[in-house]
């Protein structure tokens, strides 16, 4: 099985779909993981870190997607990127899908199986895949830090019960 991880192209996106630790676990279980060069750079993961755990580096998206069984990304692909996804592949990520979504319908019509993580039910069995809660937590913490840095006075960042 080949899992492909492209560099995110959405403006301001700094996350990467798989970190080296996760890649290492997949590789040890027999999965071939391919990473686009520079995919982890904005998240402070070097290409060397991915290679050290057994990932194969691809020079571009076209090479990366060739024969990929699973493509995992943070944000939805652009229309151009979506056209490169091979038929039969599973596309995993926050696809911002909704009823009547042209991109998702286009992917499905080509035989690509989209898995929109934001639509995974927020139940106990699916908790490890609950991207909405984890990302909302991160956004909440960041909002407090941004707000605190904007205050003209000291704000004690302590929480008591």
Protein backbone atom coordinates (compact mmCIF):
# COMPACT_ATOMS: atom_id res chain seq x y z
CA UNK A 1 0.00 0.00 0.00
CA UNK A 2 1.28 3.45 -0.90
CA UNK A 3 0.26 6.44 1.23
CA UNK A 4 1.05 9.86 -0.23
CA UNK A 5 1.39 13.10 1.74
CA UNK A 6 1.49 16.29 -0.37
CA UNK A 7 2.65 19.73 0.70
CA UNK A 8 -0.36 21.84 1.67
CA UNK A 9 -1.15 24.63 -0.78
CA UNK A 10 -3.91 26.56 1.03
CA UNK A 11 -2.74 30.10 1.92
CA UNK A 12 -1.48 30.27 5.50
CA UNK A 13 -1.71 26.51 6.08
CA UNK A 14 1.23 25.36 8.20
CA UNK A 15 0.09 21.87 9.17
CA UNK A 16 1.11 18.59 7.56
CA UNK A 17 -1.12 15.53 7.36
CA UNK A 18 1.42 13.06 8.80
CA UNK A 19 4.27 13.80 11.19
CA UNK A 20 7.48 11.71 11.14
CA UNK A 21 6.45 9.69 14.21
CA UNK A 22 3.24 8.54 12.50
CA UNK A 23 5.09 7.87 9.26
CA UNK A 24 7.54 5.65 11.14
CA UNK A 25 4.72 3.58 12.62
CA UNK A 26 3.14 3.13 9.19
CA UNK A 27 6.46 2.16 7.59
CA UNK A 28 7.16 -0.37 10.36
CA UNK A 29 3.77 -1.96 9.67
CA UNK A 30 4.67 -2.42 6.00
CA UNK A 31 3.11 0.67 4.43
CA UNK A 32 5.08 2.59 1.80
CA UNK A 33 4.82 6.28 2.72
CA UNK A 34 5.75 8.95 0.20
CA UNK A 35 6.14 12.61 1.19
CA UNK A 36 6.36 15.56 -1.17
CA UNK A 37 9.62 17.44 -0.59
CA UNK A 38 9.06 20.27 1.88
CA UNK A 39 5.64 18.99 2.99
CA UNK A 40 6.55 19.27 6.68
CA UNK A 41 8.69 22.41 6.50
CA UNK A 42 6.03 24.87 7.69
CA UNK A 43 5.26 22.53 10.61
CA UNK A 44 9.00 22.38 11.45
CA UNK A 45 9.58 18.81 10.20
CA UNK A 46 12.53 18.40 7.84
CA UNK A 47 12.74 16.11 4.85
CA UNK A 48 15.61 14.38 6.66
CA UNK A 49 13.28 13.58 9.59
CA UNK A 50 10.87 11.86 7.22
CA UNK A 51 13.65 9.96 5.44
CA UNK A 52 15.06 8.83 8.79
CA UNK A 53 11.82 6.96 9.57
CA UNK A 54 11.60 5.36 6.14
CA UNK A 55 9.56 7.75 4.00
CA UNK A 56 10.32 8.18 0.32
CA UNK A 57 10.62 11.81 -0.82
CA UNK A 58 8.88 12.80 -4.05
CA UNK A 59 10.00 15.82 -6.04
CA UNK A 60 6.47 16.88 -7.08
CA UNK A 61 2.78 16.05 -6.72
CA UNK A 62 2.55 14.16 -10.01
CA UNK A 63 5.30 11.77 -8.91
CA UNK A 64 3.85 11.56 -5.41
CA UNK A 65 0.36 10.61 -6.58
CA UNK A 66 1.49 7.95 -9.10
CA UNK A 67 0.02 4.61 -7.94
CA UNK A 68 -1.03 6.07 -4.56
CA UNK A 69 -3.66 4.05 -2.71
CA UNK A 70 -4.28 6.68 -0.03
CA UNK A 71 -3.64 10.41 -0.19
CA UNK A 72 -3.80 12.18 3.13
CA UNK A 73 -3.83 15.94 3.45
CA UNK A 74 -5.03 18.61 5.85
CA UNK A 75 -7.08 20.82 3.51
CA UNK A 76 -9.07 20.06 0.38
CA UNK A 77 -7.06 19.94 -2.83
CA UNK A 78 -7.32 22.54 -5.55
CA UNK A 79 -9.14 21.46 -8.71
CA UNK A 80 -5.78 20.97 -10.42
CA UNK A 81 -4.48 18.79 -7.57
CA UNK A 82 -7.72 16.81 -7.50
CA UNK A 83 -7.28 15.94 -11.17
CA UNK A 84 -3.97 14.25 -10.31
CA UNK A 85 -5.53 11.88 -7.74
CA UNK A 86 -5.57 8.41 -9.31
CA UNK A 87 -8.86 6.56 -9.78
CA UNK A 88 -9.43 4.09 -6.97
CA UNK A 89 -7.42 6.08 -4.42
CA UNK A 90 -8.85 7.18 -1.08
CA UNK A 91 -8.47 10.92 -0.42
CA UNK A 92 -8.43 11.65 3.32
CA UNK A 93 -8.56 15.12 4.84
CA UNK A 94 -10.73 18.02 5.87
CA UNK A 95 -12.37 18.33 2.48
CA UNK A 96 -14.93 20.97 3.51
CA UNK A 97 -17.51 18.87 1.76
CA UNK A 98 -21.20 19.62 1.61
CA UNK A 99 -24.15 18.32 -0.36
CA UNK A 100 -23.69 19.36 -3.95
CA UNK A 101 -19.95 19.97 -3.57
CA UNK A 102 -18.60 20.00 -7.13
CA UNK A 103 -15.08 18.94 -6.20
CA UNK A 104 -16.18 15.93 -4.15
CA UNK A 105 -18.69 14.92 -6.83
CA UNK A 106 -15.99 15.24 -9.48
CA UNK A 107 -13.62 13.06 -7.47
CA UNK A 108 -16.29 10.43 -6.88
CA UNK A 109 -17.23 10.39 -10.59
CA UNK A 110 -13.58 9.58 -11.39
CA UNK A 111 -13.53 6.67 -8.93
CA UNK A 112 -11.72 8.50 -6.14
CA UNK A 113 -13.12 7.72 -2.70
CA UNK A 114 -13.16 10.91 -0.62
CA UNK A 115 -13.11 10.62 3.19
CA UNK A 116 -13.98 13.99 4.69
CA UNK A 117 -12.72 13.86 8.27
CA UNK A 118 -14.92 16.77 9.33
CA UNK A 119 -17.92 14.54 8.62
CA UNK A 120 -16.80 11.64 10.82
CA UNK A 121 -19.37 11.35 13.64
CA UNK A 122 -18.25 12.79 16.95
CA UNK A 123 -18.79 9.59 18.91
CA UNK A 124 -16.58 7.61 21.28
CA UNK A 125 -15.67 4.93 18.73
CA UNK A 126 -14.47 7.56 16.26
CA UNK A 127 -12.77 9.79 18.83
CA UNK A 128 -9.27 9.16 17.47
CA UNK A 129 -10.42 10.61 14.13
CA UNK A 130 -12.33 13.58 15.58
CA UNK A 131 -10.56 16.44 13.86
CA UNK A 132 -13.18 19.03 14.76
CA UNK A 133 -12.66 18.80 18.53
CA UNK A 134 -8.87 18.66 18.35
CA UNK A 135 -8.60 21.59 15.94
CA UNK A 136 -11.18 23.62 17.88
CA UNK A 137 -9.10 23.08 21.04
CA UNK A 138 -5.98 24.35 19.29
CA UNK A 139 -7.87 27.35 17.90
CA UNK A 140 -9.26 28.14 21.36
CA UNK A 141 -5.83 28.09 22.99
CA UNK A 142 -4.40 30.23 20.22
CA UNK A 143 -7.26 32.73 20.52
CA UNK A 144 -6.50 33.21 24.22
CA UNK A 145 -2.79 33.72 23.51
CA UNK A 146 -3.49 36.23 20.75
CA UNK A 147 -5.96 38.06 22.97
CA UNK A 148 -3.54 38.10 25.91
CA UNK A 149 -0.73 39.46 23.77
CA UNK A 150 -2.98 42.31 22.62
CA UNK A 151 -3.87 43.47 26.12
CA UNK A 152 -2.11 46.58 27.41
CA UNK A 153 -1.82 45.00 30.87
CA UNK A 154 -0.75 41.73 32.46
CA UNK A 155 -3.14 38.79 32.23
CA UNK A 156 -2.48 35.86 34.56
CA UNK A 157 -2.94 32.73 32.47
CA UNK A 158 -3.95 30.44 35.31
CA UNK A 159 -7.02 28.27 35.51
CA UNK A 160 -8.50 27.24 38.83
CA UNK A 161 -11.39 24.96 39.61
